[in-house]
Amino acid sequence: MKKKLIGLMLLALVLVLVACGGNEDVTEIENQSGDNVSSSEVNLVASNWDFDEDTYIADAGDVTFNLTNEEGHHGIMIDGTDVEIDGEGSARASLEPGEYTIYCSIPCGEGHDDMEATLVVE
């Protein structure tokens, strides 16, 4: 009897772990009114005068931005949002569909003025 119980517990644990291994970029969260809203994660990697992507895509709703500095010291600002990260870190915003411009917010040298990318929110 104990072996069956332990076996069932292990099976249940495996099923829970498998169910949690879905897409890490988009999750469903519950907002204050109890409705499910889409949540996306955008990972930006900044190097000298460039982001790792020209265009980033996110689902409308809550979006988490994670900035990593691979080379140099950079920050981001996103036009039309309250998102601002100085150095490495994360920020979150609730975004409507549309296109937004991501800028480097920390003067980083001669190519700073051209350091931008596009965020497409679908």
N, C-alpha and C. Protein backbone atom coordinates (compact mmCIF):
# COMPACT_ATOMS: atom_id res chain seq x y z
N MET A 1 0.83 -1.19 0.00
CA MET A 1 0.00 0.00 0.00
C MET A 1 0.87 1.26 0.00
N LYS A 2 1.94 1.26 0.79
CA LYS A 2 2.82 2.43 0.86
C LYS A 2 3.53 2.65 -0.47
N LYS A 3 3.91 1.56 -1.15
CA LYS A 3 4.58 1.69 -2.44
C LYS A 3 3.65 2.33 -3.48
N LYS A 4 2.36 1.94 -3.46
CA LYS A 4 1.41 2.53 -4.39
C LYS A 4 1.22 4.02 -4.10
N LEU A 5 1.12 4.36 -2.84
CA LEU A 5 0.94 5.76 -2.45
C LEU A 5 2.14 6.60 -2.86
N ILE A 6 3.33 6.09 -2.62
CA ILE A 6 4.56 6.80 -3.02
C ILE A 6 4.62 6.92 -4.54
N GLY A 7 4.27 5.86 -5.24
CA GLY A 7 4.26 5.89 -6.70
C GLY A 7 3.28 6.93 -7.25
N LEU A 8 2.09 6.99 -6.66
CA LEU A 8 1.10 7.99 -7.09
C LEU A 8 1.58 9.41 -6.80
N MET A 9 2.25 9.60 -5.67
CA MET A 9 2.76 10.91 -5.32
C MET A 9 3.85 11.34 -6.30
N LEU A 10 4.74 10.41 -6.66
CA LEU A 10 5.78 10.72 -7.64
C LEU A 10 5.19 11.03 -9.00
N LEU A 11 4.18 10.29 -9.41
CA LEU A 11 3.51 10.54 -10.68
C LEU A 11 2.86 11.92 -10.68
N ALA A 12 2.20 12.27 -9.58
CA ALA A 12 1.57 13.59 -9.48
C ALA A 12 2.63 14.70 -9.55
N LEU A 13 3.76 14.49 -8.90
CA LEU A 13 4.84 15.48 -8.93
C LEU A 13 5.38 15.65 -10.35
N VAL A 14 5.56 14.57 -11.07
CA VAL A 14 6.05 14.63 -12.45
C VAL A 14 5.05 15.39 -13.32
N LEU A 15 3.76 15.12 -13.16
CA LEU A 15 2.74 15.80 -13.95
C LEU A 15 2.72 17.30 -13.66
N VAL A 16 2.88 17.68 -12.41
CA VAL A 16 2.93 19.10 -12.06
C VAL A 16 4.15 19.76 -12.68
N LEU A 17 5.30 19.11 -12.62
CA LEU A 17 6.51 19.69 -13.19
C LEU A 17 6.42 19.81 -14.71
N VAL A 18 5.83 18.84 -15.37
CA VAL A 18 5.67 18.89 -16.82
C VAL A 18 4.71 20.02 -17.19
N ALA A 19 3.65 20.19 -16.45
CA ALA A 19 2.66 21.23 -16.75
C ALA A 19 3.26 22.62 -16.59
N CYS A 20 4.24 22.78 -15.74
CA CYS A 20 4.87 24.09 -15.51
C CYS A 20 5.94 24.39 -16.54
N GLY A 21 6.24 23.52 -17.43
CA GLY A 21 7.34 23.73 -18.36
C GLY A 21 6.93 24.31 -19.70
N GLY A 22 5.83 25.07 -19.74
CA GLY A 22 5.36 25.64 -21.00
C GLY A 22 6.18 26.84 -21.44
N ASN A 23 5.61 27.65 -22.30
CA ASN A 23 6.27 28.82 -22.86
C ASN A 23 6.58 29.82 -21.75
N GLU A 24 7.85 30.17 -21.59
CA GLU A 24 8.23 31.08 -20.52
C GLU A 24 8.02 32.53 -20.88
N ASP A 25 7.84 32.86 -22.16
CA ASP A 25 7.73 34.25 -22.56
C ASP A 25 6.33 34.81 -22.38
N VAL A 26 5.30 33.97 -22.41
CA VAL A 26 3.94 34.46 -22.26
C VAL A 26 3.25 33.66 -21.17
N THR A 27 2.67 34.37 -20.21
CA THR A 27 1.96 33.72 -19.12
C THR A 27 0.63 34.43 -18.92
N GLU A 28 -0.28 33.76 -18.28
CA GLU A 28 -1.55 34.37 -17.92
C GLU A 28 -1.47 34.77 -16.45
N ILE A 29 -1.84 36.01 -16.16
CA ILE A 29 -1.89 36.47 -14.78
C ILE A 29 -3.29 37.01 -14.52
N GLU A 30 -3.63 37.17 -13.28
CA GLU A 30 -4.94 37.68 -12.94
C GLU A 30 -4.79 39.12 -12.49
N ASN A 31 -5.55 40.04 -13.11
CA ASN A 31 -5.46 41.43 -12.69
C ASN A 31 -6.37 41.67 -11.49
N GLN A 32 -6.46 42.90 -11.03
CA GLN A 32 -7.20 43.20 -9.80
C GLN A 32 -8.69 42.88 -9.92
N SER A 33 -9.25 42.96 -11.12
CA SER A 33 -10.67 42.65 -11.28
C SER A 33 -10.93 41.16 -11.41
N GLY A 34 -9.86 40.35 -11.42
CA GLY A 34 -10.02 38.91 -11.52
C GLY A 34 -9.99 38.39 -12.93
N ASP A 35 -9.85 39.28 -13.93
CA ASP A 35 -9.77 38.85 -15.33
C ASP A 35 -8.36 38.39 -15.64
N ASN A 36 -8.23 37.41 -16.53
CA ASN A 36 -6.92 36.98 -16.98
C ASN A 36 -6.43 37.94 -18.05
N VAL A 37 -5.19 38.36 -17.94
CA VAL A 37 -4.57 39.23 -18.94
C VAL A 37 -3.27 38.59 -19.39
N SER A 38 -2.85 38.91 -20.59
CA SER A 38 -1.62 38.34 -21.13
C SER A 38 -0.41 39.05 -20.54
N SER A 39 0.64 38.31 -20.31
CA SER A 39 1.88 38.88 -19.79
C SER A 39 3.03 38.37 -20.64
N SER A 40 3.86 39.31 -21.11
CA SER A 40 5.02 38.95 -21.92
C SER A 40 6.29 39.39 -21.24
N GLU A 41 7.38 38.79 -21.66
CA GLU A 41 8.70 39.16 -21.16
C GLU A 41 9.58 39.49 -22.36
N VAL A 42 10.24 40.66 -22.30
CA VAL A 42 11.13 41.09 -23.37
C VAL A 42 12.53 41.20 -22.77
N ASN A 43 13.46 40.45 -23.32
CA ASN A 43 14.84 40.46 -22.85
C ASN A 43 15.70 41.23 -23.85
N LEU A 44 16.27 42.34 -23.37
CA LEU A 44 17.11 43.18 -24.21
C LEU A 44 18.56 43.04 -23.76
N VAL A 45 19.45 42.88 -24.71
CA VAL A 45 20.88 42.83 -24.41
C VAL A 45 21.52 44.01 -25.14
N ALA A 46 22.18 44.88 -24.36
CA ALA A 46 22.80 46.08 -24.92
C ALA A 46 24.31 45.90 -24.96
N SER A 47 24.89 46.32 -26.07
CA SER A 47 26.34 46.38 -26.20
C SER A 47 26.67 47.77 -26.73
N ASN A 48 27.91 48.04 -27.00
CA ASN A 48 28.26 49.39 -27.43
C ASN A 48 27.50 49.80 -28.67
N TRP A 49 26.60 50.73 -28.49
CA TRP A 49 25.83 51.41 -29.53
C TRP A 49 24.86 50.51 -30.28
N ASP A 50 24.42 49.43 -29.64
CA ASP A 50 23.51 48.52 -30.32
C ASP A 50 22.74 47.68 -29.32
N PHE A 51 21.50 47.33 -29.68
CA PHE A 51 20.72 46.32 -28.97
C PHE A 51 20.83 45.02 -29.75
N ASP A 52 20.60 43.88 -29.09
CA ASP A 52 20.76 42.59 -29.77
C ASP A 52 19.70 42.34 -30.83
N GLU A 53 18.60 43.08 -30.83
CA GLU A 53 17.54 42.95 -31.83
C GLU A 53 17.18 44.34 -32.34
N ASP A 54 16.77 44.42 -33.59
CA ASP A 54 16.25 45.68 -34.13
C ASP A 54 14.79 45.86 -33.74
N THR A 55 14.07 44.72 -33.62
CA THR A 55 12.65 44.74 -33.29
C THR A 55 12.36 43.68 -32.23
N TYR A 56 11.63 44.07 -31.20
CA TYR A 56 11.17 43.16 -30.16
C TYR A 56 9.65 43.09 -30.27
N ILE A 57 9.08 41.90 -30.00
CA ILE A 57 7.64 41.71 -30.11
C ILE A 57 7.10 41.23 -28.77
N ALA A 58 5.96 41.82 -28.36
CA ALA A 58 5.33 41.44 -27.09
C ALA A 58 3.82 41.42 -27.29
N ASP A 59 3.14 40.66 -26.45
CA ASP A 59 1.69 40.65 -26.44
C ASP A 59 1.18 41.86 -25.67
N ALA A 60 0.04 42.39 -26.09
CA ALA A 60 -0.58 43.50 -25.36
C ALA A 60 -0.91 43.04 -23.94
N GLY A 61 -0.86 43.96 -23.02
CA GLY A 61 -1.11 43.65 -21.61
C GLY A 61 0.14 43.93 -20.82
N ASP A 62 0.33 43.20 -19.74
CA ASP A 62 1.50 43.40 -18.89
C ASP A 62 2.75 42.85 -19.57
N VAL A 63 3.77 43.70 -19.67
CA VAL A 63 5.04 43.32 -20.30
C VAL A 63 6.16 43.62 -19.32
N THR A 64 7.03 42.64 -19.10
CA THR A 64 8.21 42.83 -18.27
C THR A 64 9.41 42.97 -19.17
N PHE A 65 10.21 44.00 -18.93
CA PHE A 65 11.42 44.26 -19.70
C PHE A 65 12.62 43.96 -18.83
N ASN A 66 13.55 43.16 -19.34
CA ASN A 66 14.78 42.82 -18.65
C ASN A 66 15.95 43.31 -19.49
N LEU A 67 16.78 44.18 -18.90
CA LEU A 67 17.92 44.73 -19.62
C LEU A 67 19.21 44.17 -19.05
N THR A 68 20.06 43.65 -19.95
CA THR A 68 21.39 43.16 -19.60
C THR A 68 22.40 43.95 -20.41
N ASN A 69 23.44 44.42 -19.77
CA ASN A 69 24.52 45.13 -20.45
C ASN A 69 25.65 44.15 -20.73
N GLU A 70 25.82 43.80 -22.00
CA GLU A 70 26.88 42.88 -22.40
C GLU A 70 28.22 43.61 -22.54
N GLU A 71 28.14 44.84 -23.02
CA GLU A 71 29.34 45.66 -23.21
C GLU A 71 28.94 47.11 -23.00
N GLY A 72 29.68 47.83 -22.16
CA GLY A 72 29.36 49.22 -21.86
C GLY A 72 28.29 49.34 -20.79
N HIS A 73 27.88 50.57 -20.53
CA HIS A 73 26.86 50.86 -19.52
C HIS A 73 25.70 51.56 -20.22
N HIS A 74 24.53 50.91 -20.22
CA HIS A 74 23.37 51.40 -20.96
C HIS A 74 22.14 51.37 -20.08
N GLY A 75 21.13 52.08 -20.51
CA GLY A 75 19.81 52.07 -19.90
C GLY A 75 18.81 52.17 -21.02
N ILE A 76 17.52 52.02 -20.69
CA ILE A 76 16.50 52.17 -21.74
C ILE A 76 15.38 53.06 -21.27
N MET A 77 14.78 53.73 -22.24
CA MET A 77 13.52 54.44 -22.10
C MET A 77 12.68 54.01 -23.29
N ILE A 78 11.37 53.87 -23.07
CA ILE A 78 10.47 53.49 -24.15
C ILE A 78 9.44 54.60 -24.30
N ASP A 79 9.45 55.24 -25.49
CA ASP A 79 8.51 56.33 -25.76
C ASP A 79 7.07 55.90 -25.51
N GLY A 80 6.29 56.76 -24.90
CA GLY A 80 4.88 56.50 -24.68
C GLY A 80 4.60 55.59 -23.50
N THR A 81 5.64 55.27 -22.72
CA THR A 81 5.46 54.41 -21.54
C THR A 81 6.21 55.02 -20.36
N ASP A 82 6.03 54.42 -19.19
CA ASP A 82 6.77 54.81 -18.00
C ASP A 82 8.02 53.96 -17.82
N VAL A 83 8.35 53.13 -18.79
CA VAL A 83 9.48 52.22 -18.66
C VAL A 83 10.79 52.99 -18.74
N GLU A 84 11.59 52.82 -17.70
CA GLU A 84 12.93 53.41 -17.66
C GLU A 84 13.80 52.52 -16.78
N ILE A 85 14.89 52.04 -17.35
CA ILE A 85 15.85 51.20 -16.62
C ILE A 85 17.21 51.85 -16.77
N ASP A 86 17.86 52.16 -15.66
CA ASP A 86 19.22 52.71 -15.67
C ASP A 86 20.17 51.58 -15.32
N GLY A 87 21.04 51.21 -16.25
CA GLY A 87 21.92 50.07 -16.02
C GLY A 87 21.11 48.80 -16.21
N GLU A 88 21.57 47.71 -15.63
CA GLU A 88 20.84 46.45 -15.75
C GLU A 88 19.66 46.43 -14.79
N GLY A 89 18.61 45.72 -15.18
CA GLY A 89 17.46 45.59 -14.30
C GLY A 89 16.21 45.25 -15.08
N SER A 90 15.07 45.40 -14.41
CA SER A 90 13.78 45.06 -14.99
C SER A 90 12.77 46.15 -14.70
N ALA A 91 11.78 46.23 -15.56
CA ALA A 91 10.65 47.14 -15.38
C ALA A 91 9.43 46.49 -16.01
N ARG A 92 8.27 46.92 -15.56
CA ARG A 92 7.02 46.32 -16.05
C ARG A 92 6.05 47.43 -16.44
N ALA A 93 5.29 47.20 -17.50
CA ALA A 93 4.29 48.16 -17.94
C ALA A 93 3.11 47.43 -18.57
N SER A 94 1.96 48.05 -18.52
CA SER A 94 0.78 47.54 -19.19
C SER A 94 0.65 48.31 -20.50
N LEU A 95 0.77 47.60 -21.64
CA LEU A 95 0.85 48.26 -22.94
C LEU A 95 -0.30 47.88 -23.85
N GLU A 96 -0.74 48.86 -24.62
CA GLU A 96 -1.74 48.68 -25.67
C GLU A 96 -1.02 48.27 -26.96
N PRO A 97 -1.73 47.64 -27.90
CA PRO A 97 -1.11 47.31 -29.18
C PRO A 97 -0.58 48.56 -29.88
N GLY A 98 0.54 48.41 -30.56
CA GLY A 98 1.13 49.52 -31.30
C GLY A 98 2.63 49.36 -31.40
N GLU A 99 3.27 50.38 -31.95
CA GLU A 99 4.73 50.39 -32.07
C GLU A 99 5.30 51.45 -31.13
N TYR A 100 6.37 51.08 -30.44
CA TYR A 100 7.04 51.96 -29.50
C TYR A 100 8.53 51.99 -29.85
N THR A 101 9.18 53.10 -29.56
CA THR A 101 10.61 53.20 -29.81
C THR A 101 11.36 53.06 -28.50
N ILE A 102 12.38 52.19 -28.50
CA ILE A 102 13.24 51.96 -27.35
C ILE A 102 14.53 52.73 -27.59
N TYR A 103 14.92 53.55 -26.63
CA TYR A 103 16.14 54.35 -26.74
C TYR A 103 17.11 53.97 -25.62
N CYS A 104 18.40 54.12 -25.89
CA CYS A 104 19.39 54.05 -24.82
C CYS A 104 19.29 55.37 -24.06
N SER A 105 19.16 55.31 -22.75
CA SER A 105 18.94 56.51 -21.94
C SER A 105 20.20 57.00 -21.24
N ILE A 106 21.31 56.32 -21.41
CA ILE A 106 22.56 56.71 -20.77
C ILE A 106 23.57 57.02 -21.88
N PRO A 107 24.07 58.26 -21.95
CA PRO A 107 25.07 58.58 -22.98
C PRO A 107 26.22 57.58 -22.92
N CYS A 108 26.42 56.86 -24.04
CA CYS A 108 27.36 55.74 -24.03
C CYS A 108 28.47 55.88 -25.07
N GLY A 109 28.61 57.07 -25.64
CA GLY A 109 29.69 57.27 -26.59
C GLY A 109 29.20 57.76 -27.93
N GLU A 110 30.07 57.66 -28.91
CA GLU A 110 29.82 58.26 -30.23
C GLU A 110 28.62 57.71 -30.97
N GLY A 111 28.20 56.48 -30.74
CA GLY A 111 27.05 55.90 -31.42
C GLY A 111 25.77 55.96 -30.62
N HIS A 112 25.78 56.67 -29.50
CA HIS A 112 24.62 56.72 -28.60
C HIS A 112 23.36 57.20 -29.29
N ASP A 113 23.46 58.25 -30.12
CA ASP A 113 22.28 58.83 -30.75
C ASP A 113 21.58 57.87 -31.69
N ASP A 114 22.28 56.86 -32.18
CA ASP A 114 21.68 55.88 -33.11
C ASP A 114 21.25 54.59 -32.41
N MET A 115 21.39 54.54 -31.09
CA MET A 115 21.09 53.31 -30.35
C MET A 115 19.61 53.27 -30.02
N GLU A 116 18.85 52.63 -30.91
CA GLU A 116 17.42 52.48 -30.69
C GLU A 116 16.93 51.19 -31.33
N ALA A 117 15.76 50.77 -30.88
CA ALA A 117 15.10 49.57 -31.41
C ALA A 117 13.60 49.82 -31.40
N THR A 118 12.86 48.94 -32.02
CA THR A 118 11.40 49.06 -32.10
C THR A 118 10.77 47.96 -31.28
N LEU A 119 9.73 48.32 -30.51
CA LEU A 119 8.91 47.36 -29.78
C LEU A 119 7.56 47.31 -30.46
N VAL A 120 7.17 46.11 -30.91
CA VAL A 120 5.85 45.92 -31.53
C VAL A 120 4.99 45.16 -30.52
N VAL A 121 3.91 45.78 -30.11
CA VAL A 121 2.98 45.16 -29.17
C VAL A 121 1.75 44.74 -29.97
N GLU A 122 1.45 43.44 -29.93
CA GLU A 122 0.35 42.88 -30.74
C GLU A 122 -0.85 42.58 -29.87
